Amino acid sequence: MPDVGAALLGHLRALYGADAEAVLDDLLALMRSFDGRIKPKPGGGLSERDAVLITYGDMVREPGRRPLQTLRELLEEKVADIVNTVHILPFYPYSSDDGFSVIDYLKVDPQLGDWADVAAIGRSFRLMFDAVLNHASARSEWFRGFCEGDERYADHFITPAPGADLSGVFRPRESPMLTEVETVSGPKPVWTTFSADQVDLNYRNPRVLLATVETLLTYVERGADVIRLDAVAFLWKEAGTSCLHLPLTHRIIQLWRAVLDEAAPGTVLITETNVPHRDNVSYFGDGANEAHLVYNFSLPPLTLHAFHTGDATELSRWADGLSAPSTSVAFLNFLASHDGVGVGGAQGRLTDRQIGAMAERAERQGGYVSYRAAPDGGRAPYELNINFLDALGPAADEAVETTARRFLTSQAVMLSLQGVPAIWFHSLFGSRGWADGVAETAAFRAVNRQKLGRVELEAELATAGSLRSLVFGGYRSLLRARLSHAAFSPHADQEVLDLGPGVFAVRRAGDDGAVLCLHNVTDRPISVDVAAHLGSAAPTDLIGGGGRPTDLGPYETAWLATGGP
């Protein structure tokens, strides 16, 4: 590995200085230990056929069955023809936060199943795993060893020096940044960015870096085609800084990428960073050395804003400026997730007042707002904890068809853009918020994390005219239309058009022609002049099968395909 060794040594020197050569020897030995254990991955790159479904391993349940087995059967029956990748949220043993406080990175939670059950899902779908490598559970062997004085884990976690300047550290939570714990050496403060049960790892210790590399390679060995780097922007801590997006954080990601490119070529890395757009896109690196995909965090709040106001102007302006540094990377487009709607991506696009109004509306719609500590000692909205369908604002007496149509048009906006779509389970299956879950757990994020009974879910899907049936059927139509046309390739040309503030319009062009995507974000009919954008060819509506519309109904979508690019 002479070439990759030189690249890795450069990263290690930046991280560990004079110790870099010794760390490199250990790293290369670790990589060699996986020789023959990782199966080659098919090439071909990303295409319009790529779509990700995000789910927990126990999202759907039935008595007497392992949840991962039930999930596999449901997905094979319902979505195998429209989704090719399944993102199983952390399925490892954990102690809190629905999986994001990992006790053991290399095991499957026995309450979900085992590695054979994960592999079975991988026979029908590409697999996406979470790498929760900013922090570990306070109940992990690593942290217990740290507290008990085990020299293997003595420096696995961060204990800031007395008097260290931490005043500028970015806080994504209102909980204390430092948590005092009892150790054999007496009480010590440890760094806890997200909660007292999620203790930040110390990447100044090369053993931590080597352990994370072993974790990543094990995931690939176990079938991961795609790996999501959770909360990755916080990895490196440096007193006197914000501890966010630091250069050595990027170095760690670049090292992980170089390791995977060498030991497991074809593995896709995704960075999860709920931050303003200009910072988010920095995780593409130079277009070849960091993330292959970056979560498009600006899209959810800007889409909500467009539908709340009936004005897509800001959404269109932002989308018109989207670009990636190379054709080997792309955005991961999403609107909903297990967390909710992060508003960090709206900063710089929406005013504090507009973001505040969005938060107030979420609460009126039965949702919740999670805040972060602001530098001035106050608080600012960080995340809207609400089901996306509810966040759009359906009225209590609204016809179910209107609720479904508005929601589906919001999803069509996401599906029309350059990049790869990622769809939250509850969005695909037309769920509403779970207020009882918040009451039971006292966790705001539970509102969008309800686990469903398989029998009840399938009965609702089979009920004609029900919200689940309308949303699921409509979403299937959108996804089938998308995968049928090369204009929806992640890298196909994209032109955002100005057809008035009430319409989000984008023209995609691929090898087999162009598609004009029109989305009415208002509750009223809108006349549109599309002749100049369609040419002389008679278009086909990929969704409805009609021709050249001059009017879009309230919350209506039309995807018009023409024969030439």
Protein backbone atom coordinates (compact mmCIF):
# COMPACT_ATOMS: atom_id res chain seq x y z
CA MET A 1 0.00 0.00 0.00
CA PRO A 2 2.78 2.50 -0.82
CA ASP A 3 0.60 5.22 -2.39
CA VAL A 4 -2.17 5.09 0.18
CA GLY A 5 0.46 4.86 2.90
CA ALA A 6 1.90 8.21 1.84
CA ALA A 7 -1.55 9.81 1.83
CA LEU A 8 -2.42 8.37 5.22
CA LEU A 9 0.91 9.50 6.64
CA GLY A 10 0.13 13.07 5.63
CA HIS A 11 -3.14 12.99 7.56
CA LEU A 12 -1.54 11.29 10.55
CA ARG A 13 1.25 13.87 10.72
CA ALA A 14 -1.37 16.62 10.86
CA LEU A 15 -3.15 14.77 13.67
CA TYR A 16 -0.30 13.27 15.69
CA GLY A 17 2.95 14.93 14.68
CA ALA A 18 6.05 12.90 15.52
CA ASP A 19 3.99 9.83 16.45
CA ALA A 20 2.55 9.56 12.93
CA GLU A 21 4.91 6.86 11.61
CA ALA A 22 4.15 4.49 14.50
CA VAL A 23 0.41 5.08 14.08
CA LEU A 24 0.72 4.41 10.35
CA ASP A 25 2.30 1.02 11.01
CA ASP A 26 -0.63 0.06 13.24
CA LEU A 27 -3.16 1.42 10.75
CA LEU A 28 -1.71 -0.47 7.79
CA ALA A 29 -1.60 -3.68 9.84
CA LEU A 30 -5.24 -3.18 10.74
CA MET A 31 -6.17 -2.66 7.10
CA ARG A 32 -4.23 -5.79 6.05
CA SER A 33 -6.16 -7.81 8.64
CA PHE A 34 -9.30 -7.22 6.54
CA ASP A 35 -7.73 -8.56 3.33
CA GLY A 36 -10.07 -11.18 1.88
CA ARG A 37 -12.84 -10.33 4.35
CA ILE A 38 -14.52 -7.59 2.31
CA LYS A 39 -16.42 -8.51 -0.84
CA PRO A 40 -15.90 -6.31 -3.93
CA LYS A 41 -18.73 -3.86 -4.58
CA PRO A 42 -20.36 -3.36 -7.97
CA GLY A 43 -19.37 -0.19 -9.80
CA GLY A 44 -21.50 2.04 -11.98
CA GLY A 45 -21.92 5.09 -9.75
CA LEU A 46 -25.14 6.83 -8.80
CA SER A 47 -28.19 6.99 -11.05
CA GLU A 48 -31.86 7.96 -11.12
CA ARG A 49 -32.64 4.49 -9.75
CA ASP A 50 -31.06 5.33 -6.40
CA ALA A 51 -33.43 6.09 -3.53
CA VAL A 52 -32.89 5.56 0.20
CA LEU A 53 -35.50 4.53 2.75
CA ILE A 54 -34.65 5.57 6.34
CA THR A 55 -36.02 3.29 9.06
CA TYR A 56 -35.40 1.89 12.50
CA GLY A 57 -34.80 -1.83 12.71
CA ASP A 58 -38.01 -2.24 14.71
CA MET A 59 -40.15 0.32 12.88
CA VAL A 60 -42.73 -2.36 12.15
CA ARG A 61 -43.48 -5.18 14.56
CA GLU A 62 -45.50 -8.36 14.86
CA PRO A 63 -45.79 -10.76 17.79
CA GLY A 64 -43.24 -13.56 18.01
CA ARG A 65 -41.00 -12.24 15.22
CA ARG A 66 -37.61 -10.58 15.22
CA PRO A 67 -38.23 -6.97 14.15
CA LEU A 68 -35.51 -7.09 11.49
CA GLN A 69 -37.22 -10.11 9.92
CA THR A 70 -40.58 -8.34 9.90
CA LEU A 71 -38.98 -5.24 8.41
CA ARG A 72 -37.35 -7.25 5.63
CA GLU A 73 -40.60 -8.93 4.65
CA LEU A 74 -42.58 -5.69 4.62
CA LEU A 75 -39.99 -3.85 2.55
CA GLU A 76 -39.59 -6.69 0.07
CA GLU A 77 -43.37 -6.77 -0.42
CA LYS A 78 -44.05 -3.04 -0.52
CA VAL A 79 -41.03 -1.06 -1.74
CA ALA A 80 -38.44 -3.27 -3.46
CA ASP A 81 -39.49 -1.90 -6.86
CA ILE A 82 -39.15 1.78 -5.88
CA VAL A 83 -36.30 1.89 -3.33
CA ASN A 84 -32.90 0.24 -3.70
CA THR A 85 -31.17 1.29 -0.45
CA VAL A 86 -32.29 0.83 3.16
CA HIS A 87 -30.76 2.96 5.88
CA ILE A 88 -31.21 1.05 9.13
CA LEU A 89 -30.72 3.56 11.93
CA PRO A 90 -28.36 2.42 14.72
CA PHE A 91 -29.17 -1.22 15.40
CA TYR A 92 -26.40 -1.77 17.94
CA PRO A 93 -26.86 -2.22 21.71
CA TYR A 94 -27.52 1.25 23.17
CA SER A 95 -28.51 3.04 26.34
CA SER A 96 -30.49 6.11 25.18
CA ASP A 97 -31.53 8.35 22.27
CA ASP A 98 -33.09 5.48 20.31
CA GLY A 99 -29.74 4.01 19.36
CA PHE A 100 -27.42 7.00 19.18
CA SER A 101 -25.69 6.21 22.47
CA VAL A 102 -23.87 3.08 21.33
CA ILE A 103 -22.73 0.53 23.92
CA ASP A 104 -21.07 -1.84 21.46
CA TYR A 105 -20.39 -0.79 17.86
CA LEU A 106 -19.77 -4.32 16.60
CA LYS A 107 -22.91 -6.12 17.80
CA VAL A 108 -26.57 -6.15 16.78
CA ASP A 109 -29.08 -5.35 19.50
CA PRO A 110 -30.51 -8.82 20.31
CA GLN A 111 -33.97 -7.26 20.70
CA LEU A 112 -33.87 -6.53 16.94
CA GLY A 113 -32.20 -9.70 15.65
CA ASP A 114 -28.66 -10.58 14.63
CA TRP A 115 -26.14 -10.06 11.86
CA ALA A 116 -27.81 -12.76 9.77
CA ASP A 117 -31.03 -10.71 9.80
CA VAL A 118 -29.15 -7.63 8.66
CA ALA A 119 -27.50 -9.64 5.88
CA ALA A 120 -30.91 -10.94 4.77
CA ILE A 121 -32.11 -7.37 4.16
CA GLY A 122 -28.89 -6.81 2.22
CA ARG A 123 -29.83 -9.54 -0.25
CA SER A 124 -32.70 -7.38 -1.52
CA PHE A 125 -31.39 -3.87 -0.89
CA ARG A 126 -28.14 -1.95 -0.59
CA LEU A 127 -27.46 -1.33 3.09
CA MET A 128 -26.67 1.93 4.84
CA PHE A 129 -25.27 1.80 8.39
CA ASP A 130 -24.72 4.54 10.96
CA ALA A 131 -21.23 5.24 12.29
CA VAL A 132 -21.91 7.10 15.54
CA LEU A 133 -18.30 8.02 16.13
CA ASN A 134 -18.44 11.41 17.85
CA HIS A 135 -19.43 9.83 21.15
CA ALA A 136 -20.03 6.53 22.92
CA SER A 137 -22.50 5.44 25.57
CA ALA A 138 -21.66 6.10 29.20
CA ARG A 139 -22.47 2.39 29.65
CA SER A 140 -19.98 1.22 27.02
CA GLU A 141 -16.97 -0.94 27.89
CA TRP A 142 -14.79 1.93 26.72
CA PHE A 143 -16.25 4.40 29.19
CA ARG A 144 -16.44 1.92 32.06
CA GLY A 145 -12.75 1.20 31.47
CA PHE A 146 -12.00 4.92 31.49
CA CYS A 147 -13.74 5.35 34.84
CA GLU A 148 -12.12 2.22 36.33
CA GLY A 149 -8.58 3.18 35.36
CA ASP A 150 -8.09 0.59 32.59
CA GLU A 151 -5.03 1.87 30.77
CA ARG A 152 -6.46 0.76 27.40
CA TYR A 153 -9.14 3.45 27.75
CA ALA A 154 -7.33 6.03 29.85
CA ASP A 155 -7.42 8.67 27.11
CA HIS A 156 -10.49 7.55 25.17
CA PHE A 157 -12.57 10.50 26.38
CA ILE A 158 -12.01 14.24 26.76
CA THR A 159 -11.26 15.85 30.13
CA PRO A 160 -10.57 19.54 29.46
CA ALA A 161 -7.67 21.14 31.24
CA PRO A 162 -8.58 23.41 34.17
CA GLY A 163 -9.17 26.93 32.93
CA ALA A 164 -9.49 25.91 29.27
CA ASP A 165 -11.33 28.56 27.24
CA LEU A 166 -14.56 26.87 26.19
CA SER A 167 -16.61 30.04 25.89
CA GLY A 168 -16.80 29.92 22.09
CA VAL A 169 -17.85 26.27 21.72
CA PHE A 170 -20.92 25.84 19.52
CA ARG A 171 -23.72 24.22 21.50
CA PRO A 172 -26.36 22.15 19.67
CA ARG A 173 -28.13 21.50 22.98
CA GLU A 174 -29.07 23.35 26.14
CA SER A 175 -27.75 20.54 28.35
CA PRO A 176 -24.35 20.99 30.08
CA MET A 177 -21.36 20.57 27.79
CA LEU A 178 -19.32 18.97 30.60
CA THR A 179 -20.53 16.20 32.88
CA GLU A 180 -18.73 15.31 36.09
CA VAL A 181 -18.21 11.55 36.56
CA GLU A 182 -16.64 9.45 39.28
CA THR A 183 -13.42 7.65 38.40
CA VAL A 184 -10.83 5.71 40.38
CA SER A 185 -8.77 8.92 40.35
CA GLY A 186 -11.65 11.00 41.71
CA PRO A 187 -14.30 13.13 39.98
CA LYS A 188 -13.51 14.28 36.43
CA PRO A 189 -15.38 16.48 33.96
CA VAL A 190 -15.94 14.79 30.59
CA TRP A 191 -17.09 16.36 27.34
CA THR A 192 -20.74 15.56 26.51
CA THR A 193 -21.87 17.49 23.43
CA PHE A 194 -25.32 15.88 23.20
CA SER A 195 -26.17 14.39 26.61
CA ALA A 196 -24.61 13.03 29.78
CA ASP A 197 -25.09 9.52 28.37
CA GLN A 198 -23.21 10.34 25.14
CA VAL A 199 -19.56 10.96 26.02
CA ASP A 200 -17.38 12.48 23.31
CA LEU A 201 -14.45 10.46 22.03
CA ASN A 202 -10.91 11.84 22.20
CA TYR A 203 -9.37 11.75 18.74
CA ARG A 204 -6.10 13.11 20.11
CA ASN A 205 -5.59 9.49 21.19
CA PRO A 206 -4.50 7.41 18.16
CA ARG A 207 -6.11 4.34 19.73
CA VAL A 208 -9.49 5.98 19.30
CA LEU A 209 -8.83 6.63 15.61
CA LEU A 210 -7.72 3.03 15.08
CA ALA A 211 -10.83 1.73 16.86
CA THR A 212 -13.06 3.80 14.59
CA VAL A 213 -11.27 2.52 11.48
CA GLU A 214 -11.83 -1.04 12.70
CA THR A 215 -15.51 -0.18 13.19
CA LEU A 216 -15.89 1.21 9.67
CA LEU A 217 -14.17 -1.76 8.05
CA THR A 218 -16.27 -4.18 10.10
CA TYR A 219 -19.43 -2.46 8.89
CA VAL A 220 -18.33 -2.91 5.29
CA GLU A 221 -17.44 -6.54 6.00
CA ARG A 222 -20.95 -6.98 7.43
CA GLY A 223 -22.58 -5.63 4.27
CA ALA A 224 -22.64 -1.84 4.50
CA ASP A 225 -22.61 -0.24 1.06
CA VAL A 226 -23.16 3.24 2.49
CA ILE A 227 -21.98 4.63 5.84
CA ARG A 228 -23.50 7.69 7.50
CA LEU A 229 -21.10 9.68 9.68
CA ASP A 230 -23.34 10.92 12.48
CA ALA A 231 -22.67 14.33 14.09
CA VAL A 232 -19.33 14.37 12.33
CA ALA A 233 -18.80 18.15 12.46
CA PHE A 234 -17.94 17.96 16.18
CA LEU A 235 -15.14 15.36 16.10
CA TRP A 236 -12.07 17.42 16.99
CA LYS A 237 -12.07 19.62 20.10
CA GLU A 238 -9.74 22.61 20.52
CA ALA A 239 -9.98 25.09 23.40
CA GLY A 240 -10.48 28.67 22.25
CA THR A 241 -12.44 27.65 19.13
CA SER A 242 -16.05 26.79 18.26
CA CYS A 243 -15.04 23.09 18.07
CA LEU A 244 -17.14 22.91 14.90
CA HIS A 245 -15.80 22.18 11.37
CA LEU A 246 -12.21 22.33 12.58
CA PRO A 247 -9.49 21.51 10.02
CA LEU A 248 -8.50 18.34 11.88
CA THR A 249 -12.11 17.14 11.78
CA HIS A 250 -11.84 17.29 8.00
CA ARG A 251 -8.50 15.47 8.21
CA ILE A 252 -10.13 12.58 10.08
CA ILE A 253 -12.85 12.30 7.44
CA GLN A 254 -10.23 12.40 4.69
CA LEU A 255 -8.30 9.63 6.41
CA TRP A 256 -11.44 7.47 6.74
CA ARG A 257 -12.19 8.09 3.06
CA ALA A 258 -8.64 7.10 2.05
CA VAL A 259 -8.84 3.92 4.12
CA LEU A 260 -12.17 2.90 2.59
CA ASP A 261 -11.10 3.78 -0.94
CA GLU A 262 -8.17 1.41 -0.51
CA ALA A 263 -9.65 -1.41 1.58
CA ALA A 264 -13.28 -1.28 0.44
CA PRO A 265 -13.55 0.63 -2.86
CA GLY A 266 -17.09 1.54 -3.80
CA THR A 267 -18.18 2.24 -0.22
CA VAL A 268 -20.13 5.50 -0.04
CA LEU A 269 -19.57 7.97 2.82
CA ILE A 270 -22.28 10.42 3.87
CA THR A 271 -21.78 13.31 6.30
CA GLU A 272 -24.60 14.44 8.59
CA THR A 273 -24.12 18.10 9.55
CA ASN A 274 -27.13 20.20 10.56
CA VAL A 275 -25.46 23.54 9.84
CA PRO A 276 -25.76 26.46 7.39
CA HIS A 277 -25.36 25.50 3.75
CA ARG A 278 -21.90 27.05 3.21
CA ASP A 279 -20.51 24.94 6.06
CA ASN A 280 -22.45 21.85 5.07
CA VAL A 281 -20.98 21.71 1.56
CA SER A 282 -17.44 21.95 2.95
CA TYR A 283 -17.73 18.22 3.70
CA PHE A 284 -17.50 17.47 -0.01
CA GLY A 285 -13.84 18.41 0.41
CA ASP A 286 -12.26 18.82 -3.00
CA GLY A 287 -14.89 16.58 -4.58
CA ALA A 288 -12.82 13.42 -4.23
CA ASN A 289 -11.41 13.22 -0.71
CA GLU A 290 -14.27 13.53 1.81
CA ALA A 291 -17.99 12.71 1.57
CA HIS A 292 -19.56 11.18 -1.53
CA LEU A 293 -22.94 12.49 -0.36
CA VAL A 294 -23.84 15.39 1.93
CA TYR A 295 -27.22 15.73 3.64
CA ASN A 296 -29.00 18.72 2.10
CA PHE A 297 -30.05 20.32 5.38
CA SER A 298 -31.35 23.56 3.86
CA LEU A 299 -34.04 21.78 1.87
CA PRO A 300 -36.49 20.81 4.68
CA PRO A 301 -36.89 24.25 6.32
CA LEU A 302 -36.94 26.12 3.00
CA THR A 303 -39.59 23.76 1.63
CA LEU A 304 -41.70 24.22 4.77
CA HIS A 305 -41.34 27.98 4.45
CA ALA A 306 -42.50 27.86 0.82
CA PHE A 307 -45.67 25.94 1.68
CA HIS A 308 -46.38 27.97 4.81
CA THR A 309 -46.19 31.26 2.92
CA GLY A 310 -47.37 30.08 -0.50
CA ASP A 311 -44.17 31.62 -1.87
CA ALA A 312 -41.33 29.51 -3.29
CA THR A 313 -39.07 32.49 -4.02
CA GLU A 314 -36.43 31.75 -1.37
CA LEU A 315 -36.52 28.02 -2.07
CA SER A 316 -35.98 28.73 -5.77
CA ARG A 317 -33.14 31.17 -5.15
CA TRP A 318 -31.35 28.65 -2.96
CA ALA A 319 -31.91 25.74 -5.37
CA ASP A 320 -30.67 27.86 -8.27
CA GLY A 321 -27.32 28.19 -6.53
CA LEU A 322 -26.81 24.51 -5.73
CA SER A 323 -23.60 23.01 -7.03
CA ALA A 324 -21.24 20.20 -6.16
CA PRO A 325 -17.46 20.29 -6.67
CA SER A 326 -17.35 17.23 -8.94
CA THR A 327 -19.53 14.70 -10.73
CA SER A 328 -18.48 12.00 -8.27
CA VAL A 329 -20.36 13.60 -5.37
CA ALA A 330 -23.97 14.63 -4.84
CA PHE A 331 -26.47 15.90 -2.31
CA LEU A 332 -28.60 13.54 -0.25
CA ASN A 333 -31.98 15.24 -0.48
CA PHE A 334 -34.45 14.70 2.34
CA LEU A 335 -37.37 16.44 4.04
CA ALA A 336 -37.99 14.32 7.13
CA SER A 337 -35.95 12.10 9.39
CA HIS A 338 -35.95 10.39 12.77
CA ASP A 339 -34.99 13.73 14.35
CA GLY A 340 -37.35 16.24 12.78
CA VAL A 341 -36.67 19.38 10.77
CA GLY A 342 -33.34 20.99 11.59
CA VAL A 343 -33.36 24.73 11.01
CA GLY A 344 -29.59 25.25 10.90
CA GLY A 345 -29.67 24.96 7.12
CA ALA A 346 -32.07 27.93 6.93
CA GLN A 347 -29.63 30.32 8.58
CA GLY A 348 -28.47 32.89 6.10
CA ARG A 349 -31.53 32.24 3.95
CA LEU A 350 -34.37 32.95 6.35
CA THR A 351 -34.35 35.63 9.02
CA ASP A 352 -34.43 34.81 12.72
CA ARG A 353 -38.01 36.10 12.70
CA GLN A 354 -39.01 33.76 9.87
CA ILE A 355 -37.37 30.79 11.61
CA GLY A 356 -39.11 31.76 14.84
CA ALA A 357 -42.47 31.91 13.03
CA MET A 358 -41.84 28.43 11.63
CA ALA A 359 -41.12 27.17 15.15
CA GLU A 360 -44.29 28.74 16.54
CA ARG A 361 -46.31 27.18 13.75
CA ALA A 362 -44.82 23.75 14.46
CA GLU A 363 -45.97 24.02 18.07
CA ARG A 364 -49.47 25.05 16.96
CA GLN A 365 -49.57 21.97 14.76
CA GLY A 366 -48.85 19.67 17.69
CA GLY A 367 -45.08 19.57 17.38
CA TYR A 368 -42.24 20.66 19.61
CA VAL A 369 -39.11 22.80 19.32
CA SER A 370 -35.65 21.82 20.52
CA TYR A 371 -33.35 24.74 21.29
CA ARG A 372 -29.61 25.22 21.31
CA ALA A 373 -27.63 27.48 23.59
CA ALA A 374 -26.83 30.74 21.83
CA PRO A 375 -23.48 32.55 22.22
CA ASP A 376 -25.18 35.49 23.98
CA GLY A 377 -26.44 33.19 26.73
CA GLY A 378 -29.93 32.94 25.24
CA ARG A 379 -31.49 30.19 23.19
CA ALA A 380 -32.30 29.68 19.53
CA PRO A 381 -34.40 27.08 17.69
CA TYR A 382 -32.27 24.15 16.56
CA GLU A 383 -34.79 21.58 15.42
CA LEU A 384 -38.54 21.27 14.88
CA ASN A 385 -39.66 17.95 16.33
CA ILE A 386 -42.72 17.27 14.26
CA ASN A 387 -43.98 14.86 11.64
CA PHE A 388 -43.43 16.57 8.25
CA LEU A 389 -47.00 16.01 7.12
CA ASP A 390 -48.21 17.75 10.29
CA ALA A 391 -45.62 20.50 9.88
CA LEU A 392 -47.18 21.48 6.56
CA GLY A 393 -50.24 22.52 8.52
CA PRO A 394 -53.36 20.52 7.63
CA ALA A 395 -56.49 21.98 9.18
CA ALA A 396 -58.63 19.81 11.46
CA ASP A 397 -61.59 19.82 9.04
CA GLU A 398 -59.53 19.55 5.85
CA ALA A 399 -60.40 16.88 3.29
CA VAL A 400 -57.96 13.98 3.47
CA GLU A 401 -57.33 14.28 -0.27
CA THR A 402 -56.08 17.86 0.21
CA THR A 403 -53.81 16.82 3.07
CA ALA A 404 -52.31 14.03 0.96
CA ARG A 405 -51.94 16.21 -2.15
CA ARG A 406 -50.12 19.00 -0.29
CA PHE A 407 -47.78 16.51 1.34
CA LEU A 408 -47.04 14.67 -1.91
CA THR A 409 -46.25 17.91 -3.73
CA SER A 410 -43.75 18.79 -0.99
CA GLN A 411 -42.12 15.41 -1.51
CA ALA A 412 -42.14 15.92 -5.28
CA VAL A 413 -40.10 19.09 -4.79
CA MET A 414 -37.44 17.01 -3.03
CA LEU A 415 -37.56 14.22 -5.62
CA SER A 416 -37.15 16.66 -8.53
CA LEU A 417 -33.79 18.07 -7.44
CA GLN A 418 -30.26 17.01 -8.35
CA GLY A 419 -29.04 14.40 -5.90
CA VAL A 420 -30.20 11.18 -4.27
CA PRO A 421 -33.53 11.18 -2.39
CA ALA A 422 -33.77 9.84 1.17
CA ILE A 423 -37.28 9.11 2.46
CA TRP A 424 -38.27 8.69 6.09
CA PHE A 425 -40.39 5.58 6.73
CA HIS A 426 -43.28 7.58 8.21
CA SER A 427 -43.31 9.89 5.19
CA LEU A 428 -43.55 7.04 2.70
CA PHE A 429 -46.31 5.37 4.71
CA GLY A 430 -48.35 8.50 5.45
CA SER A 431 -48.03 8.66 9.25
CA ARG A 432 -49.09 11.46 11.57
CA GLY A 433 -47.29 12.60 14.70
CA TRP A 434 -47.13 10.45 17.84
CA ALA A 435 -47.95 12.75 20.76
CA ASP A 436 -48.41 9.78 23.10
CA GLY A 437 -44.78 8.84 22.50
CA VAL A 438 -43.61 12.23 23.73
CA ALA A 439 -45.76 11.86 26.85
CA GLU A 440 -44.38 8.37 27.49
CA THR A 441 -40.70 9.18 26.95
CA ALA A 442 -40.46 12.91 27.69
CA ALA A 443 -38.39 13.10 24.47
CA PHE A 444 -39.57 15.53 21.79
CA ARG A 445 -38.07 13.46 18.99
CA ALA A 446 -40.39 10.57 19.85
CA VAL A 447 -43.17 12.43 18.02
CA ASN A 448 -41.77 11.14 14.72
CA ARG A 449 -40.49 7.74 15.86
CA GLN A 450 -43.61 5.64 16.44
CA LYS A 451 -43.19 1.88 15.97
CA LEU A 452 -46.11 0.36 14.05
CA GLY A 453 -47.87 -2.97 14.20
CA ARG A 454 -47.60 -4.76 10.86
CA VAL A 455 -51.21 -5.97 10.81
CA GLU A 456 -52.59 -2.52 11.58
CA LEU A 457 -50.29 -0.82 9.07
CA GLU A 458 -51.21 -3.15 6.24
CA ALA A 459 -54.92 -2.83 7.05
CA GLU A 460 -54.71 0.97 6.79
CA LEU A 461 -52.76 0.77 3.55
CA ALA A 462 -55.49 -1.47 2.13
CA THR A 463 -58.27 0.96 3.12
CA ALA A 464 -59.15 2.94 0.00
CA GLY A 465 -59.30 6.69 0.63
CA SER A 466 -57.37 6.55 3.91
CA LEU A 467 -54.49 8.97 4.41
CA ARG A 468 -51.97 6.13 4.46
CA SER A 469 -53.36 4.66 1.27
CA LEU A 470 -53.41 7.99 -0.57
CA VAL A 471 -49.90 8.98 0.51
CA PHE A 472 -48.31 5.59 -0.08
CA GLY A 473 -49.95 5.18 -3.48
CA GLY A 474 -49.04 8.70 -4.53
CA TYR A 475 -45.46 8.34 -3.32
CA ARG A 476 -45.09 5.11 -5.28
CA SER A 477 -46.23 6.94 -8.41
CA LEU A 478 -43.68 9.69 -7.87
CA LEU A 479 -40.84 7.25 -7.30
CA ARG A 480 -41.78 5.11 -10.30
CA ALA A 481 -41.83 8.24 -12.47
CA ARG A 482 -38.46 9.33 -11.13
CA LEU A 483 -36.66 6.07 -11.74
CA SER A 484 -38.10 5.86 -15.26
CA HIS A 485 -36.26 8.88 -16.64
CA ALA A 486 -32.53 9.66 -16.87
CA ALA A 487 -33.28 13.36 -16.37
CA PHE A 488 -33.53 12.51 -12.66
CA SER A 489 -29.97 11.22 -12.51
CA PRO A 490 -28.14 12.83 -9.56
CA HIS A 491 -25.84 14.58 -12.02
CA ALA A 492 -28.29 15.47 -14.82
CA ASP A 493 -28.52 19.16 -15.69
CA GLN A 494 -30.76 21.30 -13.51
CA GLU A 495 -32.26 24.71 -14.25
CA VAL A 496 -34.53 26.46 -11.76
CA LEU A 497 -37.16 28.53 -13.56
CA ASP A 498 -39.09 31.62 -12.52
CA LEU A 499 -42.76 30.90 -13.19
CA GLY A 500 -44.02 33.08 -10.35
CA PRO A 501 -43.70 32.84 -6.56
CA GLY A 502 -46.45 30.24 -6.19
CA VAL A 503 -44.69 27.61 -8.30
CA PHE A 504 -41.42 25.82 -7.68
CA ALA A 505 -40.27 24.93 -11.19
CA VAL A 506 -37.15 23.05 -12.20
CA ARG A 507 -36.11 21.67 -15.57
CA ARG A 508 -34.00 18.52 -15.54
CA ALA A 509 -32.25 17.27 -18.69
CA GLY A 510 -30.73 13.84 -19.27
CA ASP A 511 -29.70 11.54 -22.08
CA ASP A 512 -33.28 10.57 -22.91
CA GLY A 513 -34.74 14.08 -22.88
CA ALA A 514 -35.88 16.72 -20.43
CA VAL A 515 -38.48 16.88 -17.68
CA LEU A 516 -40.15 20.12 -16.58
CA CYS A 517 -41.16 19.70 -12.93
CA LEU A 518 -43.91 22.03 -11.69
CA HIS A 519 -45.09 22.26 -8.08
CA ASN A 520 -47.86 24.57 -6.88
CA VAL A 521 -47.04 25.50 -3.27
CA THR A 522 -50.31 27.40 -2.77
CA ASP A 523 -53.92 26.56 -1.91
CA ARG A 524 -55.24 28.17 -5.09
CA PRO A 525 -55.15 27.35 -8.83
CA ILE A 526 -52.31 28.97 -10.75
CA SER A 527 -52.05 29.55 -14.51
CA VAL A 528 -48.60 28.76 -15.85
CA ASP A 529 -47.00 29.54 -19.19
CA VAL A 530 -44.80 26.56 -19.99
CA ALA A 531 -44.64 26.77 -23.79
CA ALA A 532 -41.23 28.44 -23.82
CA HIS A 533 -39.76 25.66 -21.71
CA LEU A 534 -41.20 22.65 -23.52
CA GLY A 535 -40.33 23.29 -27.14
CA SER A 536 -42.46 21.93 -29.96
CA ALA A 537 -42.61 18.33 -28.77
CA ALA A 538 -45.84 17.11 -27.19
CA PRO A 539 -45.02 16.44 -23.52
CA THR A 540 -46.13 13.55 -21.37
CA ASP A 541 -46.97 14.01 -17.71
CA LEU A 542 -44.94 11.26 -16.03
CA ILE A 543 -47.30 11.27 -13.06
CA GLY A 544 -50.77 11.81 -14.47
CA GLY A 545 -50.29 10.87 -18.12
CA GLY A 546 -51.77 14.12 -19.42
CA GLY A 547 -50.26 16.65 -21.78
CA ARG A 548 -49.40 20.35 -21.62
CA PRO A 549 -51.15 21.94 -18.61
CA THR A 550 -51.90 25.65 -18.49
CA ASP A 551 -53.27 25.48 -14.95
CA LEU A 552 -52.04 23.81 -11.80
CA GLY A 553 -54.64 23.05 -9.17
CA PRO A 554 -54.02 23.79 -5.48
CA TYR A 555 -50.92 21.88 -4.34
CA GLU A 556 -50.71 20.11 -7.69
CA THR A 557 -47.60 18.54 -9.21
CA ALA A 558 -46.90 18.01 -12.93
CA TRP A 559 -43.73 16.42 -14.32
CA LEU A 560 -43.73 17.00 -18.08
CA ALA A 561 -41.31 14.92 -20.16
CA THR A 562 -40.19 15.87 -23.65
CA GLY A 563 -38.20 13.86 -26.16
CA GLY A 564 -35.14 16.08 -26.46
CA PRO A 565 -32.70 17.55 -23.97
